[in-house]
């Protein structure tokens, strides 16, 4: 399936039903919950670690995986966590159009920052809940392969693309043109708390890839990731600011104590910002993002989401 983000970028997405013997809590109408998976930078819907996570999550309900702009078969170019919130909103809106009443988002690294910003910008009961004119999540169908997939070349910021709210998360939130796009629970794994962090060798390498012409060439041809050449304008609020604005949506923050990108002050800052509603798991021996999340941890995450955002 090809979805269109609110700014016109084509987004590759895949919906998979729950396993036949899944441990699923159905709602009163027999509908199952769905996990929407947001991969990390240089990932995609088809990468092995994303497929492994999806296989675990299918034991608990349906799963939607997608490729952020500039990744996989999606169009456009990566903005490394800024306009990607529109990609996630398109995937969540698709989940609700398919009939899923309970949706939770799980993001890794860059995807972790995106799910936090998405939860702040698309609150339950915000304008996205009325955008389609149908409380049950029906709305306009996604585009299937139409458009160039490069609309982000001259597209506005997420706020301008929505035309309904400022990008800093104040006010009533944003709306997706395809219908309700809010999440019922949010899980951020290995997410940064703030932008422009260069305190580790891994993050200094990443900044070189993103900001230098030669680095972007390495990203395109070596990492299969097409990176936008423009700086953020405006700079979006950092993930800790977003975490402070997502209540009452329950958040889970997961971080490894051997993460080579972001040390433990990042998840602790996110947890402090999110307040007492947040659960913080500091995982002994774990490295970074989906590559380091084993099946046992992924199952614990899905179990947490099923308990905190139960079907029905």
Protein backbone atom coordinates (compact mmCIF):
# COMPACT_ATOMS: atom_id res chain seq x y z
CA UNK A 1 0.00 0.00 0.00
CA UNK A 2 1.11 3.55 -0.72
CA UNK A 3 -0.21 6.25 1.62
CA UNK A 4 0.10 9.99 1.20
CA UNK A 5 1.38 12.08 4.08
CA UNK A 6 -0.37 15.40 4.64
CA UNK A 7 2.32 17.21 2.64
CA UNK A 8 1.94 14.85 -0.34
CA UNK A 9 4.91 12.51 0.18
CA UNK A 10 4.25 8.89 -0.79
CA UNK A 11 4.73 6.46 2.11
CA UNK A 12 5.21 2.72 1.73
CA UNK A 13 3.08 0.83 4.28
CA UNK A 14 2.17 -2.79 5.07
CA UNK A 15 -0.75 -4.09 7.16
CA UNK A 16 -0.53 -7.60 8.60
CA UNK A 17 -3.29 -9.37 10.54
CA UNK A 18 -2.80 -10.80 13.98
CA UNK A 19 -1.44 -14.33 14.20
CA UNK A 20 -4.12 -17.00 14.14
CA UNK A 21 -3.36 -17.97 17.74
CA UNK A 22 -2.56 -14.42 18.92
CA UNK A 23 -3.12 -13.43 22.54
CA UNK A 24 -5.56 -10.70 21.54
CA UNK A 25 -8.13 -8.75 23.52
CA UNK A 26 -11.01 -8.05 21.13
CA UNK A 27 -13.37 -5.15 21.61
CA UNK A 28 -17.15 -5.55 21.78
CA UNK A 29 -17.37 -5.66 17.98
CA UNK A 30 -14.62 -8.27 17.67
CA UNK A 31 -11.96 -5.84 16.44
CA UNK A 32 -8.32 -6.39 17.35
CA UNK A 33 -5.79 -3.73 18.37
CA UNK A 34 -2.96 -2.73 16.05
CA UNK A 35 0.69 -1.82 16.62
CA UNK A 36 2.12 0.84 14.30
CA UNK A 37 5.91 0.43 14.14
CA UNK A 38 8.15 3.46 13.51
CA UNK A 39 11.67 2.36 12.55
CA UNK A 40 14.95 4.12 13.24
CA UNK A 41 17.08 6.23 10.90
CA UNK A 42 18.32 4.18 7.89
CA UNK A 43 15.69 1.50 8.58
CA UNK A 44 12.62 0.59 6.53
CA UNK A 45 9.53 -1.59 6.64
CA UNK A 46 11.44 -4.45 5.04
CA UNK A 47 14.57 -4.49 7.21
CA UNK A 48 15.11 -7.77 9.13
CA UNK A 49 15.00 -6.22 12.60
CA UNK A 50 11.74 -4.44 11.77
CA UNK A 51 10.27 -7.66 10.41
CA UNK A 52 11.34 -9.48 13.60
CA UNK A 53 9.61 -6.87 15.75
CA UNK A 54 6.47 -7.10 13.62
CA UNK A 55 6.41 -10.88 14.00
CA UNK A 56 6.44 -10.54 17.79
CA UNK A 57 3.80 -7.80 17.84
CA UNK A 58 1.47 -9.93 15.67
CA UNK A 59 1.06 -12.23 18.66
CA UNK A 60 -0.86 -9.36 20.29
CA UNK A 61 -2.84 -7.95 17.37
CA UNK A 62 -2.47 -6.62 13.86
CA UNK A 63 0.65 -4.71 12.82
CA UNK A 64 1.35 -1.83 10.46
CA UNK A 65 4.92 -1.21 9.36
CA UNK A 66 5.91 1.61 7.05
CA UNK A 67 9.00 3.32 5.70
CA UNK A 68 9.63 6.92 6.66
CA UNK A 69 10.21 9.38 3.82
CA UNK A 70 13.61 8.93 2.23
CA UNK A 71 13.72 5.30 3.38
CA UNK A 72 12.82 2.05 1.64
CA UNK A 73 10.26 2.47 -1.15
CA UNK A 74 8.82 5.71 0.25
CA UNK A 75 9.22 8.97 -1.62
CA UNK A 76 10.80 12.20 -0.58
CA UNK A 77 13.88 12.70 1.53
CA UNK A 78 14.48 12.18 5.24
CA UNK A 79 14.22 15.19 7.53
CA UNK A 80 15.60 13.07 10.41
CA UNK A 81 12.57 13.35 12.68
CA UNK A 82 10.82 16.58 11.66
CA UNK A 83 8.27 15.97 8.88
CA UNK A 84 8.32 12.25 9.65
CA UNK A 85 5.53 12.93 12.14
CA UNK A 86 3.27 13.35 9.08
CA UNK A 87 4.29 9.89 7.84
CA UNK A 88 3.35 8.31 11.16
CA UNK A 89 0.04 10.20 11.24
CA UNK A 90 -0.81 8.80 7.80
CA UNK A 91 -0.09 5.26 9.01
CA UNK A 92 -2.17 5.68 12.18
CA UNK A 93 -5.04 7.21 10.21
CA UNK A 94 -4.92 4.20 7.86
CA UNK A 95 -5.08 1.86 10.86
CA UNK A 96 -8.23 3.58 12.08
CA UNK A 97 -9.81 3.55 8.61
CA UNK A 98 -9.24 -0.20 8.55
CA UNK A 99 -11.48 -0.44 11.61
CA UNK A 100 -8.98 -0.71 14.47
CA UNK A 101 -10.37 1.13 17.48
CA UNK A 102 -7.25 0.62 19.61
CA UNK A 103 -3.92 1.77 18.18
CA UNK A 104 -0.55 1.99 19.85
CA UNK A 105 2.67 3.28 18.36
CA UNK A 106 6.15 1.84 18.96
CA UNK A 107 9.13 3.85 17.76
CA UNK A 108 12.84 3.13 17.76
CA UNK A 109 15.56 5.82 17.97
CA UNK A 110 14.49 8.46 15.41
CA UNK A 111 11.14 6.69 15.33
CA UNK A 112 11.02 7.01 19.12
CA UNK A 113 11.30 10.79 18.88
CA UNK A 114 8.62 10.77 16.17
CA UNK A 115 6.09 8.76 18.20
CA UNK A 116 6.49 11.17 21.13
CA UNK A 117 5.99 14.22 18.91
CA UNK A 118 3.07 12.52 17.17
CA UNK A 119 1.32 11.80 20.48
CA UNK A 120 1.68 15.47 21.45
CA UNK A 121 0.57 16.86 18.09
CA UNK A 122 -2.36 14.46 17.49
CA UNK A 123 -4.12 14.16 20.87
CA UNK A 124 -7.20 12.02 21.41
CA UNK A 125 -10.19 14.30 21.08
CA UNK A 126 -8.22 16.82 19.01
CA UNK A 127 -9.22 18.02 15.53
CA UNK A 128 -8.09 14.76 13.94
CA UNK A 129 -10.95 13.00 15.70
CA UNK A 130 -13.40 15.07 13.66
CA UNK A 131 -11.34 15.44 10.48
CA UNK A 132 -13.07 12.68 8.55
CA UNK A 133 -16.57 13.47 9.75
CA UNK A 134 -16.92 9.93 11.10
CA UNK A 135 -16.30 9.04 14.72
CA UNK A 136 -15.61 5.43 13.82
CA UNK A 137 -12.51 6.31 11.82
CA UNK A 138 -13.89 6.07 8.29
CA UNK A 139 -12.62 8.65 5.86
CA UNK A 140 -11.04 9.21 2.51
CA UNK A 141 -9.05 6.35 1.06
CA UNK A 142 -5.27 6.51 0.78
CA UNK A 143 -3.62 7.23 -2.51
CA UNK A 144 -2.37 4.04 -4.12
CA UNK A 145 0.79 4.91 -5.99
CA UNK A 146 -0.31 8.37 -7.12
CA UNK A 147 1.88 11.46 -6.94
CA UNK A 148 5.59 11.88 -7.42
CA UNK A 149 6.51 11.17 -3.81
CA UNK A 150 8.77 14.24 -3.80
CA UNK A 151 6.37 16.89 -2.61
CA UNK A 152 8.58 17.60 0.39
CA UNK A 153 11.04 19.45 -1.85
CA UNK A 154 8.93 22.59 -1.52
CA UNK A 155 6.46 21.51 1.11
CA UNK A 156 5.73 23.52 4.24
CA UNK A 157 6.49 22.52 7.79
CA UNK A 158 4.16 20.00 9.49
CA UNK A 159 2.14 22.83 11.01
CA UNK A 160 1.68 24.59 7.67
CA UNK A 161 0.89 21.32 5.92
CA UNK A 162 -1.94 20.76 8.42
CA UNK A 163 -3.10 24.35 8.46
CA UNK A 164 -4.69 23.95 11.88
CA UNK A 165 -2.12 24.35 14.65
CA UNK A 166 1.39 25.46 15.44
CA UNK A 167 4.18 22.91 15.29
CA UNK A 168 5.14 23.47 18.91
CA UNK A 169 2.28 21.37 20.17
CA UNK A 170 0.30 24.18 21.81
CA UNK A 171 -3.39 24.44 21.19
CA UNK A 172 -5.75 21.62 20.21
CA UNK A 173 -3.38 19.66 17.98
CA UNK A 174 -3.12 18.76 14.30
CA UNK A 175 -5.46 16.91 11.96
CA UNK A 176 -4.62 14.37 9.28
CA UNK A 177 -6.65 14.79 6.06
CA UNK A 178 -7.46 11.08 5.98
CA UNK A 179 -9.17 10.93 9.38
CA UNK A 180 -8.40 10.28 13.04
CA UNK A 181 -4.66 9.84 13.62
CA UNK A 182 -4.28 9.75 17.41
CA UNK A 183 -2.67 6.92 19.35
CA UNK A 184 -3.95 5.24 22.51
CA UNK A 185 -0.49 4.42 23.93
CA UNK A 186 3.05 5.31 22.90
CA UNK A 187 6.32 3.40 23.30
CA UNK A 188 9.66 5.11 22.60
CA UNK A 189 12.72 2.84 22.48
CA UNK A 190 16.24 4.36 22.49
CA UNK A 191 14.84 7.83 21.84
CA UNK A 192 16.81 11.06 22.29
CA UNK A 193 15.56 13.68 24.71
CA UNK A 194 17.01 16.63 22.81
CA UNK A 195 18.20 17.56 19.34
CA UNK A 196 21.75 18.17 18.10
CA UNK A 197 23.31 15.85 20.67
CA UNK A 198 26.97 15.14 19.79
CA UNK A 199 28.23 13.68 23.06
CA UNK A 200 29.05 10.22 21.67
CA UNK A 201 31.19 9.09 18.76
CA UNK A 202 28.16 7.41 17.18
CA UNK A 203 26.20 10.67 17.19
CA UNK A 204 29.12 12.63 15.80
CA UNK A 205 29.27 10.17 12.89
CA UNK A 206 25.53 10.51 12.37
CA UNK A 207 25.76 14.30 12.27
CA UNK A 208 28.48 14.00 9.61
CA UNK A 209 26.19 11.80 7.52
CA UNK A 210 23.26 14.20 7.84
CA UNK A 211 24.98 17.57 7.49
CA UNK A 212 27.85 17.08 5.00
CA UNK A 213 27.46 16.52 1.25
CA UNK A 214 29.82 13.54 1.31
CA UNK A 215 27.99 12.18 4.34
CA UNK A 216 24.65 12.43 2.55
CA UNK A 217 26.17 10.58 -0.40
CA UNK A 218 27.23 7.82 1.99
CA UNK A 219 23.70 7.84 3.38
CA UNK A 220 22.15 7.50 -0.07
CA UNK A 221 24.42 4.88 -1.59
CA UNK A 222 25.78 3.10 1.48
CA UNK A 223 22.84 3.27 3.87
CA UNK A 224 20.03 3.49 1.29
CA UNK A 225 18.68 6.64 2.92
CA UNK A 226 17.96 9.84 1.00
CA UNK A 227 18.54 12.85 3.27
CA UNK A 228 17.15 16.35 2.79
CA UNK A 229 19.74 19.09 2.28
CA UNK A 230 17.82 21.85 4.10
CA UNK A 231 18.15 22.72 7.77
CA UNK A 232 15.08 22.59 9.98
CA UNK A 233 13.10 25.83 9.75
CA UNK A 234 11.63 26.18 12.25
CA UNK A 235 13.40 23.77 14.59
CA UNK A 236 10.72 21.45 16.03
CA UNK A 237 10.33 21.14 19.79
CA UNK A 238 12.61 18.46 21.14
CA UNK A 239 11.27 15.07 22.29
CA UNK A 240 11.36 16.03 25.99
CA UNK A 241 9.09 19.00 25.25
CA UNK A 242 6.74 16.66 23.39
CA UNK A 243 6.78 14.13 26.24
CA UNK A 244 5.54 16.83 28.60
CA UNK A 245 2.46 17.35 26.38
CA UNK A 246 1.18 13.84 25.65
CA UNK A 247 -1.00 13.30 28.73
CA UNK A 248 -3.34 11.50 29.12
CA UNK A 249 -1.84 9.14 26.53
CA UNK A 250 0.27 6.62 28.49
CA UNK A 251 3.96 6.47 27.51
CA UNK A 252 6.58 3.75 27.94
CA UNK A 253 10.24 4.73 27.64
CA UNK A 254 12.73 1.92 27.01
CA UNK A 255 16.50 2.40 26.91
CA UNK A 256 19.57 0.21 27.09
CA UNK A 257 22.35 0.94 29.53
CA UNK A 258 24.88 0.18 26.75
CA UNK A 259 23.34 2.45 24.13
CA UNK A 260 26.27 3.86 22.10
CA UNK A 261 24.22 6.81 20.81
CA UNK A 262 22.33 8.28 23.76
CA UNK A 263 23.39 7.86 27.41
CA UNK A 264 20.93 7.33 30.23
CA UNK A 265 20.33 11.00 30.90
CA UNK A 266 18.16 10.99 27.77
CA UNK A 267 15.50 8.48 28.90
CA UNK A 268 15.57 9.94 32.39
CA UNK A 269 14.91 13.41 31.00
CA UNK A 270 12.04 12.05 28.92
CA UNK A 271 10.55 10.31 31.96
CA UNK A 272 10.83 13.47 34.05
CA UNK A 273 9.14 15.49 31.33
CA UNK A 274 6.32 12.96 30.88
CA UNK A 275 5.62 12.86 34.59
CA UNK A 276 4.13 10.12 36.78
CA UNK A 277 2.08 8.58 33.98
CA UNK A 278 5.29 7.40 32.25
CA UNK A 279 6.89 4.00 32.74
CA UNK A 280 10.68 3.88 32.36
CA UNK A 281 12.54 0.65 31.64
CA UNK A 282 16.33 0.79 31.75
CA UNK A 283 17.47 -2.47 30.18
CA UNK A 284 20.76 -4.00 31.40
CA UNK A 285 23.13 -4.91 28.59
CA UNK A 286 20.94 -3.53 25.82
CA UNK A 287 22.41 -1.49 22.98
CA UNK A 288 20.49 0.73 20.57
CA UNK A 289 17.02 0.56 19.02
CA UNK A 290 15.39 -2.29 17.09
CA UNK A 291 18.70 -3.97 16.36
CA UNK A 292 19.23 -4.49 20.10
CA UNK A 293 15.66 -5.31 21.14
CA UNK A 294 15.35 -9.06 21.60
CA UNK A 295 12.11 -11.00 21.31
CA UNK A 296 11.60 -11.14 25.07
CA UNK A 297 11.77 -7.35 25.34
CA UNK A 298 9.49 -6.88 22.32
CA UNK A 299 6.94 -9.21 23.92
CA UNK A 300 7.10 -7.26 27.18
CA UNK A 301 6.51 -4.04 25.25
CA UNK A 302 3.47 -5.50 23.49
CA UNK A 303 2.12 -6.83 26.78
CA UNK A 304 2.53 -3.39 28.36
CA UNK A 305 0.68 -1.73 25.48
CA UNK A 306 -2.13 -4.26 25.63
CA UNK A 307 -2.59 -3.55 29.34
CA UNK A 308 -2.30 0.23 29.16
CA UNK A 309 -4.44 0.64 26.02
CA UNK A 310 -6.81 -2.33 26.20
CA UNK A 311 -9.13 -3.10 23.28
CA UNK A 312 -12.63 -1.72 23.45
